[in-house]
Amino acid sequence: MTHRLDLAEVAGLLRVALTEHVSAAGTKRALPTVMHVGTPGVEAVAVPDAPDLDPGLRADLMERALDGLDLSRTPLPWLTRIGELAPGDVDLAWFAATREAYGRHSLDLPGFFVMTRYGWLDLATDELIRWSRVRATKGA
């Protein structure tokens, strides 16, 4: 049986993912776009974006990423990228692929979170959370 995440759990996990993203960015302005799925800070699979990925390949990559996870806990999908918190073509392409992959695994999609250093946007609900300032973790 899959453990469903409540809103407080999702918000906490996304905070961990965003902090990890900002820590990885450091002072760099340009970071690659990366699709993640799993539990931030615990277990996750990362799939780098590439311009030559078609919709079917993106869905297959997400399905394989889910194959490697413990699905007793609902995995979160999140996309890290630079830029503003407005949906773009890459976000929508990964969102469609993620919906397909979750469907192949008969999983409920808990949301689809696009994350930048400014906050996160859930494309499934249009919920937007902006952070006033996210600090990198020490030692990063």
C-alpha atoms as a PDB file:
ATOM      1  CA  MET A   1       0.000   0.000   0.000  1.00  0.00           C
ATOM      2  CA  THR A   2       1.338   3.408  -0.974  1.00  0.00           C
ATOM      3  CA  HIS A   3       1.669   6.048   1.745  1.00  0.00           C
ATOM      4  CA  ARG A   4      -0.043   9.253   0.602  1.00  0.00           C
ATOM      5  CA  LEU A   5       1.685  12.482   1.492  1.00  0.00           C
ATOM      6  CA  ASP A   6      -0.209  15.258   3.227  1.00  0.00           C
ATOM      7  CA  LEU A   7       0.314  18.928   2.404  1.00  0.00           C
ATOM      8  CA  ALA A   8       2.660  19.539   5.343  1.00  0.00           C
ATOM      9  CA  GLU A   9       4.870  16.586   4.297  1.00  0.00           C
ATOM     10  CA  VAL A  10       4.975  17.802   0.693  1.00  0.00           C
ATOM     11  CA  ALA A  11       5.915  21.336   1.757  1.00  0.00           C
ATOM     12  CA  GLY A  12       8.679  20.032   4.017  1.00  0.00           C
ATOM     13  CA  LEU A  13      10.099  17.739   1.343  1.00  0.00           C
ATOM     14  CA  LEU A  14      10.028  20.510  -1.236  1.00  0.00           C
ATOM     15  CA  ARG A  15      11.877  22.775   1.174  1.00  0.00           C
ATOM     16  CA  VAL A  16      14.615  20.103   1.429  1.00  0.00           C
ATOM     17  CA  ALA A  17      14.731  19.779  -2.387  1.00  0.00           C
ATOM     18  CA  LEU A  18      14.886  23.538  -2.875  1.00  0.00           C
ATOM     19  CA  THR A  19      17.644  23.909  -0.277  1.00  0.00           C
ATOM     20  CA  GLU A  20      19.633  21.137  -2.017  1.00  0.00           C
ATOM     21  CA  HIS A  21      19.111  22.888  -5.374  1.00  0.00           C
ATOM     22  CA  VAL A  22      20.275  26.262  -4.041  1.00  0.00           C
ATOM     23  CA  SER A  23      23.247  24.600  -2.319  1.00  0.00           C
ATOM     24  CA  ALA A  24      24.255  22.921  -5.578  1.00  0.00           C
ATOM     25  CA  ALA A  25      23.926  26.224  -7.426  1.00  0.00           C
ATOM     26  CA  GLY A  26      26.209  28.122  -5.078  1.00  0.00           C
ATOM     27  CA  THR A  27      27.064  31.346  -6.859  1.00  0.00           C
ATOM     28  CA  LYS A  28      26.573  29.859 -10.328  1.00  0.00           C
ATOM     29  CA  ARG A  29      23.860  31.413 -12.416  1.00  0.00           C
ATOM     30  CA  ALA A  30      23.517  28.654 -15.040  1.00  0.00           C
ATOM     31  CA  LEU A  31      22.584  25.163 -13.922  1.00  0.00           C
ATOM     32  CA  PRO A  32      21.276  22.342 -16.075  1.00  0.00           C
ATOM     33  CA  THR A  33      17.596  21.513 -16.035  1.00  0.00           C
ATOM     34  CA  VAL A  34      17.141  18.236 -14.146  1.00  0.00           C
ATOM     35  CA  MET A  35      14.021  16.136 -13.550  1.00  0.00           C
ATOM     36  CA  HIS A  36      13.917  14.420 -10.135  1.00  0.00           C
ATOM     37  CA  VAL A  37      11.588  11.850  -8.640  1.00  0.00           C
ATOM     38  CA  GLY A  38      11.629  10.293  -5.188  1.00  0.00           C
ATOM     39  CA  THR A  39      11.885  11.643  -1.661  1.00  0.00           C
ATOM     40  CA  PRO A  40      14.097  14.748  -1.320  1.00  0.00           C
ATOM     41  CA  GLY A  41      16.957  14.189   1.078  1.00  0.00           C
ATOM     42  CA  VAL A  42      16.286  10.427   1.231  1.00  0.00           C
ATOM     43  CA  GLU A  43      16.035   8.642  -2.112  1.00  0.00           C
ATOM     44  CA  ALA A  44      15.712  10.205  -5.535  1.00  0.00           C
ATOM     45  CA  VAL A  45      16.575   9.592  -9.162  1.00  0.00           C
ATOM     46  CA  ALA A  46      17.740  12.515 -11.302  1.00  0.00           C
ATOM     47  CA  VAL A  47      17.326  12.661 -15.086  1.00  0.00           C
ATOM     48  CA  PRO A  48      19.120  15.495 -16.890  1.00  0.00           C
ATOM     49  CA  ASP A  49      17.088  17.253 -19.557  1.00  0.00           C
ATOM     50  CA  ALA A  50      18.338  17.233 -23.151  1.00  0.00           C
ATOM     51  CA  PRO A  51      16.956  18.984 -26.228  1.00  0.00           C
ATOM     52  CA  ASP A  52      16.651  15.723 -28.187  1.00  0.00           C
ATOM     53  CA  LEU A  53      14.251  14.018 -25.735  1.00  0.00           C
ATOM     54  CA  ASP A  54      10.904  13.305 -27.360  1.00  0.00           C
ATOM     55  CA  PRO A  55       7.695  12.772 -25.347  1.00  0.00           C
ATOM     56  CA  GLY A  56       7.890   8.964 -25.470  1.00  0.00           C
ATOM     57  CA  LEU A  57      11.506   8.885 -24.317  1.00  0.00           C
ATOM     58  CA  ARG A  58      10.782  11.282 -21.454  1.00  0.00           C
ATOM     59  CA  ALA A  59       7.900   9.037 -20.307  1.00  0.00           C
ATOM     60  CA  ASP A  60      10.106   5.940 -20.580  1.00  0.00           C
ATOM     61  CA  LEU A  61      12.875   7.630 -18.558  1.00  0.00           C
ATOM     62  CA  MET A  62      10.410   8.603 -15.848  1.00  0.00           C
ATOM     63  CA  GLU A  63       8.942   5.092 -15.784  1.00  0.00           C
ATOM     64  CA  ARG A  64      12.430   3.602 -15.346  1.00  0.00           C
ATOM     65  CA  ALA A  65      13.224   6.153 -12.624  1.00  0.00           C
ATOM     66  CA  LEU A  66      10.093   5.052 -10.750  1.00  0.00           C
ATOM     67  CA  ASP A  67      11.092   1.394 -11.260  1.00  0.00           C
ATOM     68  CA  GLY A  68      14.183   2.013  -9.122  1.00  0.00           C
ATOM     69  CA  LEU A  69      12.364   3.583  -6.174  1.00  0.00           C
ATOM     70  CA  ASP A  70      10.625   2.250  -3.101  1.00  0.00           C
ATOM     71  CA  LEU A  71       7.004   2.873  -4.096  1.00  0.00           C
ATOM     72  CA  SER A  72       5.574   2.157  -0.639  1.00  0.00           C
ATOM     73  CA  ARG A  73       5.890   5.931  -0.154  1.00  0.00           C
ATOM     74  CA  THR A  74       4.445   8.214  -2.836  1.00  0.00           C
ATOM     75  CA  PRO A  75       7.405   9.622  -4.775  1.00  0.00           C
ATOM     76  CA  LEU A  76       7.430  13.347  -5.502  1.00  0.00           C
ATOM     77  CA  PRO A  77       8.303  14.613  -8.968  1.00  0.00           C
ATOM     78  CA  TRP A  78      10.198  17.904  -9.159  1.00  0.00           C
ATOM     79  CA  LEU A  79      12.064  19.722 -11.896  1.00  0.00           C
ATOM     80  CA  THR A  80      14.950  22.007 -10.969  1.00  0.00           C
ATOM     81  CA  ARG A  81      15.974  24.762 -13.321  1.00  0.00           C
ATOM     82  CA  ILE A  82      17.031  28.366 -13.493  1.00  0.00           C
ATOM     83  CA  GLY A  83      14.702  31.206 -14.320  1.00  0.00           C
ATOM     84  CA  GLU A  84      11.411  32.546 -13.153  1.00  0.00           C
ATOM     85  CA  LEU A  85       8.492  30.578 -11.740  1.00  0.00           C
ATOM     86  CA  ALA A  86       6.397  30.592 -14.889  1.00  0.00           C
ATOM     87  CA  PRO A  87       5.581  27.390 -16.805  1.00  0.00           C
ATOM     88  CA  GLY A  88       7.725  26.796 -19.870  1.00  0.00           C
ATOM     89  CA  ASP A  89       7.837  24.221 -22.657  1.00  0.00           C
ATOM     90  CA  VAL A  90      10.333  21.981 -20.841  1.00  0.00           C
ATOM     91  CA  ASP A  91       8.209  22.056 -17.674  1.00  0.00           C
ATOM     92  CA  LEU A  92       5.100  21.036 -19.591  1.00  0.00           C
ATOM     93  CA  ALA A  93       6.959  18.287 -21.489  1.00  0.00           C
ATOM     94  CA  TRP A  94       8.215  16.708 -18.245  1.00  0.00           C
ATOM     95  CA  PHE A  95       4.790  17.154 -16.627  1.00  0.00           C
ATOM     96  CA  ALA A  96       3.142  15.162 -19.434  1.00  0.00           C
ATOM     97  CA  ALA A  97       5.842  12.473 -19.253  1.00  0.00           C
ATOM     98  CA  THR A  98       5.489  12.238 -15.481  1.00  0.00           C
ATOM     99  CA  ARG A  99       1.704  11.860 -15.653  1.00  0.00           C
ATOM    100  CA  GLU A 100       2.195   9.037 -18.163  1.00  0.00           C
ATOM    101  CA  ALA A 101       4.846   7.284 -16.042  1.00  0.00           C
ATOM    102  CA  TYR A 102       2.780   7.535 -12.848  1.00  0.00           C
ATOM    103  CA  GLY A 103      -0.172   6.105 -14.775  1.00  0.00           C
ATOM    104  CA  ARG A 104       1.934   3.169 -15.967  1.00  0.00           C
ATOM    105  CA  HIS A 105       2.713   2.430 -12.305  1.00  0.00           C
ATOM    106  CA  SER A 106      -0.899   3.059 -11.186  1.00  0.00           C
ATOM    107  CA  LEU A 107       0.317   5.813  -8.856  1.00  0.00           C
ATOM    108  CA  ASP A 108      -1.575   8.954  -7.920  1.00  0.00           C
ATOM    109  CA  LEU A 109       0.413  12.016  -8.971  1.00  0.00           C
ATOM    110  CA  PRO A 110       0.923  14.114  -5.810  1.00  0.00           C
ATOM    111  CA  GLY A 111       1.661  17.217  -7.913  1.00  0.00           C
ATOM    112  CA  PHE A 112       4.359  18.311 -10.323  1.00  0.00           C
ATOM    113  CA  PHE A 113       6.750  20.817  -8.847  1.00  0.00           C
ATOM    114  CA  VAL A 114       8.924  23.188 -10.870  1.00  0.00           C
ATOM    115  CA  MET A 115      11.633  24.586  -8.615  1.00  0.00           C
ATOM    116  CA  THR A 116      13.997  27.499  -8.985  1.00  0.00           C
ATOM    117  CA  ARG A 117      16.004  29.408  -6.426  1.00  0.00           C
ATOM    118  CA  TYR A 118      12.927  31.622  -6.005  1.00  0.00           C
ATOM    119  CA  GLY A 119      10.459  28.925  -4.900  1.00  0.00           C
ATOM    120  CA  TRP A 120       8.249  26.303  -6.500  1.00  0.00           C
ATOM    121  CA  LEU A 121       5.208  26.039  -8.721  1.00  0.00           C
ATOM    122  CA  ASP A 122       2.904  23.013  -8.751  1.00  0.00           C
ATOM    123  CA  LEU A 123       1.757  22.644 -12.366  1.00  0.00           C
ATOM    124  CA  ALA A 124      -0.999  20.230 -11.272  1.00  0.00           C
ATOM    125  CA  THR A 125      -2.716  22.845  -9.085  1.00  0.00           C
ATOM    126  CA  ASP A 126      -1.088  26.170 -10.094  1.00  0.00           C
ATOM    127  CA  GLU A 127      -0.052  26.625  -6.451  1.00  0.00           C
ATOM    128  CA  LEU A 128       2.938  28.967  -6.231  1.00  0.00           C
ATOM    129  CA  ILE A 129       5.226  29.333  -3.228  1.00  0.00           C
ATOM    130  CA  ARG A 130       7.924  32.003  -3.255  1.00  0.00           C
ATOM    131  CA  TRP A 131      10.757  31.989  -0.779  1.00  0.00           C
ATOM    132  CA  SER A 132      12.052  35.267   0.552  1.00  0.00           C
ATOM    133  CA  ARG A 133      15.543  33.810   0.764  1.00  0.00           C
ATOM    134  CA  VAL A 134      16.762  30.236   0.673  1.00  0.00           C
ATOM    135  CA  ARG A 135      20.252  29.788   2.024  1.00  0.00           C
ATOM    136  CA  ALA A 136      22.694  27.163   0.899  1.00  0.00           C
ATOM    137  CA  THR A 137      23.578  24.555   3.501  1.00  0.00           C
ATOM    138  CA  LYS A 138      26.924  24.920   5.235  1.00  0.00           C
ATOM    139  CA  GLY A 139      29.748  23.051   3.571  1.00  0.00           C
ATOM    140  CA  ALA A 140      28.170  23.286   0.117  1.00  0.00           C
END
